[in-house]
C-alpha cells in the first residue's frame, strides 16, 4: 500500500486510495485527500452558492465583478463592441478555413431537413450518413 501526505488542512499521511485521481500531476493524484476536497467544496458552496468545477446544464452562476464591468461596457459602447466581435470572427475565419468550411457544410445539412446526420471525411470526399434512411451520400470536396 502506497502512502502520500495530504497538502490540505489535515496534513496527514494517508493511503493513495484516499486521494482522487488527477492526470496532470506527476503521481496521478490530487494534492488534497478526499475529506479535504469535500470540505473545500462545502466552503466554496457556502461562500458563492454554487459548486466547484464546471456549471451544470442550466445552472446559472453569479456574475463576477469583471463580467459585470464587461456587460456595462458593451451596453455603453455597442458600436465598438460589435467591431471587436466582428474582428475576432474574421481573425478566426482567416486562421481556421477548414473548420469554417466543415461547419458551413454541416450547418447547411442540418437546416435543410438533414437532422441526425453524421459527417466524415474519407480522402477528398465527405461522406454524409443519414441515420433514419441508412444511406450514404458521397459529396466531392472542392480544392
C-alpha atoms as a PDB file:
ATOM      1  CA  UNK A   1       0.000   0.000   0.000  1.00  0.00           C
ATOM      2  CA  UNK A   2       1.438   3.342  -1.078  1.00  0.00           C
ATOM      3  CA  UNK A   3       1.217   6.354   1.221  1.00  0.00           C
ATOM      4  CA  UNK A   4       1.029  10.052   0.393  1.00  0.00           C
ATOM      5  CA  UNK A   5       0.942  13.217   2.506  1.00  0.00           C
ATOM      6  CA  UNK A   6      -2.115  15.450   2.138  1.00  0.00           C
ATOM      7  CA  UNK A   7      -1.284  19.104   1.423  1.00  0.00           C
ATOM      8  CA  UNK A   8      -4.751  20.172   2.596  1.00  0.00           C
ATOM      9  CA  UNK A   9      -5.740  21.356   6.073  1.00  0.00           C
ATOM     10  CA  UNK A  10      -5.402  17.900   7.679  1.00  0.00           C
ATOM     11  CA  UNK A  11      -1.689  17.436   6.705  1.00  0.00           C
ATOM     12  CA  UNK A  12      -1.945  13.680   7.398  1.00  0.00           C
ATOM     13  CA  UNK A  13      -0.157  10.883   5.589  1.00  0.00           C
ATOM     14  CA  UNK A  14      -2.804   8.643   4.026  1.00  0.00           C
ATOM     15  CA  UNK A  15      -3.156   5.736   1.608  1.00  0.00           C
ATOM     16  CA  UNK A  16      -3.260   6.692  -2.084  1.00  0.00           C
ATOM     17  CA  UNK A  17      -6.811   5.287  -2.197  1.00  0.00           C
ATOM     18  CA  UNK A  18      -7.802   8.288  -0.050  1.00  0.00           C
ATOM     19  CA  UNK A  19      -6.992  10.703  -2.923  1.00  0.00           C
ATOM     20  CA  UNK A  20      -8.939  11.460  -6.099  1.00  0.00           C
ATOM     21  CA  UNK A  21      -7.229  10.895  -9.456  1.00  0.00           C
ATOM     22  CA  UNK A  22      -5.630  13.789 -11.355  1.00  0.00           C
ATOM     23  CA  UNK A  23      -3.883  13.089 -14.669  1.00  0.00           C
ATOM     24  CA  UNK A  24      -1.972  16.388 -14.655  1.00  0.00           C
ATOM     25  CA  UNK A  25       0.077  15.631 -11.529  1.00  0.00           C
ATOM     26  CA  UNK A  26       3.238  13.509 -11.566  1.00  0.00           C
ATOM     27  CA  UNK A  27       1.851  10.852  -9.236  1.00  0.00           C
ATOM     28  CA  UNK A  28      -1.606  10.931 -10.857  1.00  0.00           C
ATOM     29  CA  UNK A  29      -3.381  12.050  -7.669  1.00  0.00           C
ATOM     30  CA  UNK A  30      -4.950  15.218  -6.282  1.00  0.00           C
ATOM     31  CA  UNK A  31      -2.837  17.102  -3.701  1.00  0.00           C
ATOM     32  CA  UNK A  32      -5.730  17.149  -1.166  1.00  0.00           C
ATOM     33  CA  UNK A  33      -7.245  13.965   0.290  1.00  0.00           C
ATOM     34  CA  UNK A  34     -10.921  13.193  -0.367  1.00  0.00           C
ATOM     35  CA  UNK A  35     -12.013  14.586   3.003  1.00  0.00           C
ATOM     36  CA  UNK A  36     -10.140  17.882   2.480  1.00  0.00           C
ATOM     37  CA  UNK A  37     -11.536  18.175  -1.077  1.00  0.00           C
ATOM     38  CA  UNK A  38     -15.049  17.699   0.314  1.00  0.00           C
ATOM     39  CA  UNK A  39     -14.514  20.380   2.964  1.00  0.00           C
ATOM     40  CA  UNK A  40     -13.087  22.756   0.361  1.00  0.00           C
ATOM     41  CA  UNK A  41     -16.136  22.238  -1.861  1.00  0.00           C
ATOM     42  CA  UNK A  42     -18.529  22.821   1.066  1.00  0.00           C
ATOM     43  CA  UNK A  43     -16.783  26.095   1.984  1.00  0.00           C
ATOM     44  CA  UNK A  44     -16.874  27.255  -1.640  1.00  0.00           C
ATOM     45  CA  UNK A  45     -20.575  26.401  -1.905  1.00  0.00           C
ATOM     46  CA  UNK A  46     -21.412  28.289   1.296  1.00  0.00           C
ATOM     47  CA  UNK A  47     -19.430  31.309   0.123  1.00  0.00           C
ATOM     48  CA  UNK A  48     -20.607  31.525  -3.501  1.00  0.00           C
ATOM     49  CA  UNK A  49     -23.785  29.459  -3.697  1.00  0.00           C
ATOM     50  CA  UNK A  50     -22.527  27.180  -6.468  1.00  0.00           C
ATOM     51  CA  UNK A  51     -20.424  24.055  -6.685  1.00  0.00           C
ATOM     52  CA  UNK A  52     -16.796  23.740  -7.764  1.00  0.00           C
ATOM     53  CA  UNK A  53     -15.936  22.888 -11.356  1.00  0.00           C
ATOM     54  CA  UNK A  54     -17.961  23.455 -14.481  1.00  0.00           C
ATOM     55  CA  UNK A  55     -21.537  24.652 -14.160  1.00  0.00           C
ATOM     56  CA  UNK A  56     -24.257  22.031 -14.581  1.00  0.00           C
ATOM     57  CA  UNK A  57     -26.569  22.272 -17.557  1.00  0.00           C
ATOM     58  CA  UNK A  58     -29.000  25.077 -16.813  1.00  0.00           C
ATOM     59  CA  UNK A  59     -27.110  26.230 -13.712  1.00  0.00           C
ATOM     60  CA  UNK A  60     -26.785  29.999 -13.537  1.00  0.00           C
ATOM     61  CA  UNK A  61     -23.799  31.243 -11.594  1.00  0.00           C
ATOM     62  CA  UNK A  62     -23.479  34.675 -10.054  1.00  0.00           C
ATOM     63  CA  UNK A  63     -21.656  37.048 -12.332  1.00  0.00           C
ATOM     64  CA  UNK A  64     -18.136  38.025 -11.439  1.00  0.00           C
ATOM     65  CA  UNK A  65     -17.285  41.716 -10.983  1.00  0.00           C
ATOM     66  CA  UNK A  66     -15.279  41.604 -14.218  1.00  0.00           C
ATOM     67  CA  UNK A  67     -18.241  40.097 -16.078  1.00  0.00           C
ATOM     68  CA  UNK A  68     -20.491  42.886 -14.806  1.00  0.00           C
ATOM     69  CA  UNK A  69     -17.952  45.509 -15.884  1.00  0.00           C
ATOM     70  CA  UNK A  70     -17.751  43.956 -19.348  1.00  0.00           C
ATOM     71  CA  UNK A  71     -21.546  43.896 -19.678  1.00  0.00           C
ATOM     72  CA  UNK A  72     -21.760  47.575 -18.709  1.00  0.00           C
ATOM     73  CA  UNK A  73     -19.008  48.496 -21.182  1.00  0.00           C
ATOM     74  CA  UNK A  74     -20.719  46.567 -24.001  1.00  0.00           C
ATOM     75  CA  UNK A  75     -24.010  48.307 -23.226  1.00  0.00           C
ATOM     76  CA  UNK A  76     -22.349  51.758 -23.258  1.00  0.00           C
ATOM     77  CA  UNK A  77     -20.220  51.059 -26.373  1.00  0.00           C
ATOM     78  CA  UNK A  78     -22.350  48.948 -28.734  1.00  0.00           C
ATOM     79  CA  UNK A  79     -20.558  50.036 -31.931  1.00  0.00           C
ATOM     80  CA  UNK A  80     -17.075  49.317 -30.580  1.00  0.00           C
ATOM     81  CA  UNK A  81     -18.258  46.028 -29.050  1.00  0.00           C
ATOM     82  CA  UNK A  82     -19.663  44.912 -32.407  1.00  0.00           C
ATOM     83  CA  UNK A  83     -16.468  45.987 -34.163  1.00  0.00           C
ATOM     84  CA  UNK A  84     -14.312  43.940 -31.760  1.00  0.00           C
ATOM     85  CA  UNK A  85     -16.601  40.917 -32.111  1.00  0.00           C
ATOM     86  CA  UNK A  86     -16.510  41.086 -35.917  1.00  0.00           C
ATOM     87  CA  UNK A  87     -12.711  41.459 -35.917  1.00  0.00           C
ATOM     88  CA  UNK A  88     -12.369  38.368 -33.730  1.00  0.00           C
ATOM     89  CA  UNK A  89     -14.696  36.394 -36.040  1.00  0.00           C
ATOM     90  CA  UNK A  90     -12.745  37.458 -39.124  1.00  0.00           C
ATOM     91  CA  UNK A  91      -9.448  36.505 -37.491  1.00  0.00           C
ATOM     92  CA  UNK A  92     -10.840  33.042 -36.635  1.00  0.00           C
ATOM     93  CA  UNK A  93     -12.103  32.579 -40.206  1.00  0.00           C
ATOM     94  CA  UNK A  94      -8.712  33.544 -41.655  1.00  0.00           C
ATOM     95  CA  UNK A  95      -6.780  31.241 -39.305  1.00  0.00           C
ATOM     96  CA  UNK A  96      -9.165  28.241 -39.477  1.00  0.00           C
ATOM     97  CA  UNK A  97     -10.583  27.964 -43.017  1.00  0.00           C
ATOM     98  CA  UNK A  98     -11.095  24.178 -42.774  1.00  0.00           C
ATOM     99  CA  UNK A  99     -13.150  24.446 -39.570  1.00  0.00           C
ATOM    100  CA  UNK A 100     -15.277  27.198 -41.096  1.00  0.00           C
ATOM    101  CA  UNK A 101     -15.803  25.186 -44.275  1.00  0.00           C
ATOM    102  CA  UNK A 102     -16.800  21.980 -42.480  1.00  0.00           C
ATOM    103  CA  UNK A 103     -19.079  23.884 -40.083  1.00  0.00           C
ATOM    104  CA  UNK A 104     -20.815  25.554 -43.018  1.00  0.00           C
ATOM    105  CA  UNK A 105     -21.442  22.210 -44.729  1.00  0.00           C
ATOM    106  CA  UNK A 106     -22.791  20.575 -41.583  1.00  0.00           C
ATOM    107  CA  UNK A 107     -24.953  23.651 -40.844  1.00  0.00           C
ATOM    108  CA  UNK A 108     -26.469  23.577 -44.317  1.00  0.00           C
ATOM    109  CA  UNK A 109     -27.227  19.864 -43.971  1.00  0.00           C
ATOM    110  CA  UNK A 110     -28.817  20.332 -40.517  1.00  0.00           C
ATOM    111  CA  UNK A 111     -31.010  23.213 -41.629  1.00  0.00           C
ATOM    112  CA  UNK A 112     -32.238  21.519 -44.829  1.00  0.00           C
ATOM    113  CA  UNK A 113     -34.003  18.648 -43.095  1.00  0.00           C
ATOM    114  CA  UNK A 114     -30.909  16.517 -42.515  1.00  0.00           C
ATOM    115  CA  UNK A 115     -31.078  16.469 -38.724  1.00  0.00           C
ATOM    116  CA  UNK A 116     -29.486  13.333 -37.295  1.00  0.00           C
ATOM    117  CA  UNK A 117     -26.771  13.074 -39.941  1.00  0.00           C
ATOM    118  CA  UNK A 118     -23.126  12.286 -39.421  1.00  0.00           C
ATOM    119  CA  UNK A 119     -20.293  13.699 -41.495  1.00  0.00           C
ATOM    120  CA  UNK A 120     -16.928  12.082 -42.053  1.00  0.00           C
ATOM    121  CA  UNK A 121     -14.092  12.826 -44.452  1.00  0.00           C
ATOM    122  CA  UNK A 122     -12.621   9.924 -46.419  1.00  0.00           C
ATOM    123  CA  UNK A 123      -9.680  11.061 -48.560  1.00  0.00           C
ATOM    124  CA  UNK A 124     -11.107  14.055 -50.504  1.00  0.00           C
ATOM    125  CA  UNK A 125     -14.749  13.032 -50.126  1.00  0.00           C
ATOM    126  CA  UNK A 126     -17.250  13.994 -47.432  1.00  0.00           C
ATOM    127  CA  UNK A 127     -19.407  11.013 -46.507  1.00  0.00           C
ATOM    128  CA  UNK A 128     -22.830  12.030 -45.211  1.00  0.00           C
ATOM    129  CA  UNK A 129     -24.750   9.258 -43.439  1.00  0.00           C
ATOM    130  CA  UNK A 130     -28.421   9.877 -42.776  1.00  0.00           C
ATOM    131  CA  UNK A 131     -29.475   7.737 -39.817  1.00  0.00           C
ATOM    132  CA  UNK A 132     -33.195   7.415 -40.417  1.00  0.00           C
ATOM    133  CA  UNK A 133     -32.750   6.202 -44.026  1.00  0.00           C
ATOM    134  CA  UNK A 134     -29.436   4.382 -43.626  1.00  0.00           C
ATOM    135  CA  UNK A 135     -27.991   5.834 -46.818  1.00  0.00           C
ATOM    136  CA  UNK A 136     -24.577   7.200 -47.634  1.00  0.00           C
ATOM    137  CA  UNK A 137     -24.094  10.143 -49.984  1.00  0.00           C
ATOM    138  CA  UNK A 138     -20.674  11.000 -51.354  1.00  0.00           C
ATOM    139  CA  UNK A 139     -20.022  14.676 -51.992  1.00  0.00           C
ATOM    140  CA  UNK A 140     -16.775  15.710 -53.685  1.00  0.00           C
ATOM    141  CA  UNK A 141     -14.849  18.360 -51.737  1.00  0.00           C
ATOM    142  CA  UNK A 142     -13.568  21.294 -53.791  1.00  0.00           C
ATOM    143  CA  UNK A 143      -9.923  22.356 -53.584  1.00  0.00           C
END
